[in-house]
Amino acid sequence: MTKKIINNIRRLRFDHDEMTQQMLADAIGVSRQTVVAIEKDKYSPSLEVAFKIAAYFKVPLETVFKYQ
């Protein structure tokens, strides 16, 4: 069984006034394409980016990312 990291970024964006991927990208200092890739589980972010996302939404890292 292969384990992977899943994320709740899309849900967090939706719950945050339906924020766009571009708005999140601008807020955390990455490209929109990076946000797209992370959301689609095609790319695992650096720890720095992961913490920036959690800090932006003011939630624990485990709320954004889960190891499954």
N, C-alpha and C. Protein backbone atom coordinates (compact mmCIF):
# COMPACT_ATOMS: atom_id res chain seq x y z
N MET A 1 0.84 -1.18 0.00
CA MET A 1 0.00 0.00 0.00
C MET A 1 0.89 1.25 0.00
N THR A 2 0.67 2.12 -0.96
CA THR A 2 1.44 3.34 -1.07
C THR A 2 0.78 4.43 -0.25
N LYS A 3 1.58 5.07 0.58
CA LYS A 3 1.05 6.19 1.37
C LYS A 3 1.39 7.47 0.65
N LYS A 4 0.54 8.47 0.85
CA LYS A 4 0.80 9.75 0.22
C LYS A 4 0.27 10.87 1.10
N ILE A 5 0.68 12.04 0.78
CA ILE A 5 0.21 13.22 1.48
C ILE A 5 -1.00 13.77 0.74
N ILE A 6 -2.08 13.96 1.47
CA ILE A 6 -3.26 14.58 0.89
C ILE A 6 -3.43 15.96 1.52
N ASN A 7 -4.18 16.82 0.87
CA ASN A 7 -4.33 18.17 1.40
C ASN A 7 -5.78 18.64 1.31
N ASN A 8 -6.04 19.66 2.09
CA ASN A 8 -7.37 20.27 2.16
C ASN A 8 -7.35 21.71 1.67
N ILE A 9 -6.41 22.04 0.81
CA ILE A 9 -6.26 23.43 0.38
C ILE A 9 -7.49 23.93 -0.35
N ARG A 10 -8.03 23.14 -1.23
CA ARG A 10 -9.21 23.59 -1.97
C ARG A 10 -10.36 23.93 -1.01
N ARG A 11 -10.59 23.07 -0.04
CA ARG A 11 -11.65 23.31 0.96
C ARG A 11 -11.35 24.58 1.75
N LEU A 12 -10.10 24.75 2.16
CA LEU A 12 -9.72 25.94 2.93
C LEU A 12 -9.93 27.20 2.09
N ARG A 13 -9.57 27.15 0.81
CA ARG A 13 -9.79 28.31 -0.06
C ARG A 13 -11.27 28.62 -0.19
N PHE A 14 -12.08 27.57 -0.38
CA PHE A 14 -13.52 27.76 -0.53
C PHE A 14 -14.11 28.38 0.73
N ASP A 15 -13.68 27.87 1.88
CA ASP A 15 -14.19 28.38 3.16
C ASP A 15 -13.67 29.78 3.47
N HIS A 16 -12.67 30.21 2.75
CA HIS A 16 -12.06 31.53 2.96
C HIS A 16 -12.54 32.47 1.85
N ASP A 17 -13.85 32.67 1.80
CA ASP A 17 -14.48 33.56 0.81
C ASP A 17 -14.21 33.15 -0.63
N GLU A 18 -14.16 31.82 -0.87
CA GLU A 18 -13.93 31.29 -2.21
C GLU A 18 -12.71 31.91 -2.87
N MET A 19 -11.64 31.96 -2.11
CA MET A 19 -10.36 32.50 -2.56
C MET A 19 -9.87 31.75 -3.80
N THR A 20 -9.29 32.48 -4.75
CA THR A 20 -8.75 31.84 -5.95
C THR A 20 -7.37 31.26 -5.67
N GLN A 21 -6.95 30.37 -6.56
CA GLN A 21 -5.60 29.82 -6.46
C GLN A 21 -4.58 30.93 -6.60
N GLN A 22 -4.84 31.90 -7.47
CA GLN A 22 -3.91 33.01 -7.66
C GLN A 22 -3.79 33.86 -6.39
N MET A 23 -4.90 34.09 -5.73
CA MET A 23 -4.86 34.87 -4.49
C MET A 23 -4.02 34.18 -3.43
N LEU A 24 -4.17 32.86 -3.29
CA LEU A 24 -3.36 32.12 -2.33
C LEU A 24 -1.90 32.15 -2.74
N ALA A 25 -1.64 31.94 -4.02
CA ALA A 25 -0.26 31.96 -4.51
C ALA A 25 0.41 33.30 -4.19
N ASP A 26 -0.28 34.39 -4.45
CA ASP A 26 0.26 35.72 -4.16
C ASP A 26 0.53 35.89 -2.66
N ALA A 27 -0.38 35.38 -1.84
CA ALA A 27 -0.26 35.54 -0.39
C ALA A 27 0.92 34.78 0.20
N ILE A 28 1.27 33.63 -0.42
CA ILE A 28 2.36 32.82 0.15
C ILE A 28 3.64 32.88 -0.67
N GLY A 29 3.61 33.64 -1.77
CA GLY A 29 4.84 33.86 -2.54
C GLY A 29 5.25 32.74 -3.47
N VAL A 30 4.27 32.07 -4.07
CA VAL A 30 4.57 31.03 -5.07
C VAL A 30 3.74 31.31 -6.31
N SER A 31 3.95 30.52 -7.36
CA SER A 31 3.16 30.69 -8.58
C SER A 31 1.81 29.99 -8.44
N ARG A 32 0.86 30.41 -9.25
CA ARG A 32 -0.45 29.75 -9.27
C ARG A 32 -0.28 28.29 -9.65
N GLN A 33 0.65 28.01 -10.58
CA GLN A 33 0.88 26.64 -11.02
C GLN A 33 1.34 25.75 -9.85
N THR A 34 2.08 26.32 -8.92
CA THR A 34 2.52 25.57 -7.75
C THR A 34 1.33 25.20 -6.89
N VAL A 35 0.42 26.15 -6.68
CA VAL A 35 -0.78 25.87 -5.89
C VAL A 35 -1.61 24.79 -6.58
N VAL A 36 -1.76 24.89 -7.89
CA VAL A 36 -2.51 23.88 -8.66
C VAL A 36 -1.90 22.50 -8.45
N ALA A 37 -0.60 22.40 -8.59
CA ALA A 37 0.10 21.11 -8.47
C ALA A 37 -0.03 20.54 -7.06
N ILE A 38 0.07 21.39 -6.04
CA ILE A 38 -0.08 20.92 -4.66
C ILE A 38 -1.50 20.42 -4.44
N GLU A 39 -2.49 21.19 -4.87
CA GLU A 39 -3.89 20.78 -4.69
C GLU A 39 -4.20 19.45 -5.36
N LYS A 40 -3.61 19.21 -6.52
CA LYS A 40 -3.87 17.98 -7.27
C LYS A 40 -2.98 16.82 -6.83
N ASP A 41 -2.23 17.02 -5.74
CA ASP A 41 -1.32 15.98 -5.23
C ASP A 41 -0.26 15.57 -6.24
N LYS A 42 0.12 16.51 -7.12
CA LYS A 42 1.17 16.25 -8.11
C LYS A 42 2.52 16.73 -7.61
N TYR A 43 2.51 17.51 -6.51
CA TYR A 43 3.72 18.12 -6.00
C TYR A 43 3.60 18.26 -4.50
N SER A 44 4.64 17.85 -3.78
CA SER A 44 4.68 18.05 -2.34
C SER A 44 5.45 19.33 -2.06
N PRO A 45 4.85 20.25 -1.34
CA PRO A 45 5.52 21.53 -1.11
C PRO A 45 6.69 21.39 -0.14
N SER A 46 7.56 22.37 -0.17
CA SER A 46 8.63 22.43 0.82
C SER A 46 7.99 22.67 2.19
N LEU A 47 8.74 22.41 3.23
CA LEU A 47 8.21 22.68 4.57
C LEU A 47 7.87 24.15 4.73
N GLU A 48 8.70 25.01 4.16
CA GLU A 48 8.45 26.45 4.26
C GLU A 48 7.10 26.82 3.65
N VAL A 49 6.82 26.30 2.46
CA VAL A 49 5.55 26.60 1.80
C VAL A 49 4.39 25.97 2.57
N ALA A 50 4.57 24.76 3.05
CA ALA A 50 3.51 24.11 3.83
C ALA A 50 3.16 24.94 5.06
N PHE A 51 4.17 25.42 5.77
CA PHE A 51 3.92 26.24 6.96
C PHE A 51 3.31 27.58 6.59
N LYS A 52 3.70 28.15 5.46
CA LYS A 52 3.11 29.42 5.02
C LYS A 52 1.62 29.26 4.73
N ILE A 53 1.25 28.13 4.12
CA ILE A 53 -0.16 27.88 3.83
C ILE A 53 -0.94 27.76 5.14
N ALA A 54 -0.42 26.97 6.07
CA ALA A 54 -1.10 26.80 7.36
C ALA A 54 -1.20 28.14 8.09
N ALA A 55 -0.14 28.90 8.08
CA ALA A 55 -0.15 30.20 8.77
C ALA A 55 -1.14 31.15 8.12
N TYR A 56 -1.20 31.13 6.80
CA TYR A 56 -2.13 32.02 6.10
C TYR A 56 -3.57 31.75 6.53
N PHE A 57 -3.94 30.47 6.60
CA PHE A 57 -5.30 30.10 6.98
C PHE A 57 -5.50 30.05 8.49
N LYS A 58 -4.40 30.26 9.24
CA LYS A 58 -4.44 30.25 10.71
C LYS A 58 -4.96 28.93 11.26
N VAL A 59 -4.41 27.84 10.69
CA VAL A 59 -4.77 26.49 11.13
C VAL A 59 -3.50 25.68 11.34
N PRO A 60 -3.56 24.60 12.11
CA PRO A 60 -2.40 23.74 12.27
C PRO A 60 -2.02 23.08 10.94
N LEU A 61 -0.77 22.76 10.79
CA LEU A 61 -0.27 22.10 9.59
C LEU A 61 -1.08 20.83 9.28
N GLU A 62 -1.46 20.11 10.34
CA GLU A 62 -2.21 18.86 10.16
C GLU A 62 -3.62 19.08 9.60
N THR A 63 -4.12 20.30 9.66
CA THR A 63 -5.41 20.62 9.07
C THR A 63 -5.27 20.77 7.57
N VAL A 64 -4.11 21.23 7.13
CA VAL A 64 -3.86 21.44 5.69
C VAL A 64 -3.41 20.14 5.03
N PHE A 65 -2.47 19.45 5.66
CA PHE A 65 -1.87 18.24 5.07
C PHE A 65 -2.04 17.05 6.01
N LYS A 66 -2.31 15.89 5.39
CA LYS A 66 -2.38 14.64 6.15
C LYS A 66 -1.59 13.57 5.41
N TYR A 67 -0.87 12.76 6.18
CA TYR A 67 -0.14 11.63 5.60
C TYR A 67 -1.04 10.42 5.69
N GLN A 68 -1.38 9.87 4.54
CA GLN A 68 -2.36 8.78 4.49
C GLN A 68 -1.73 7.52 3.97
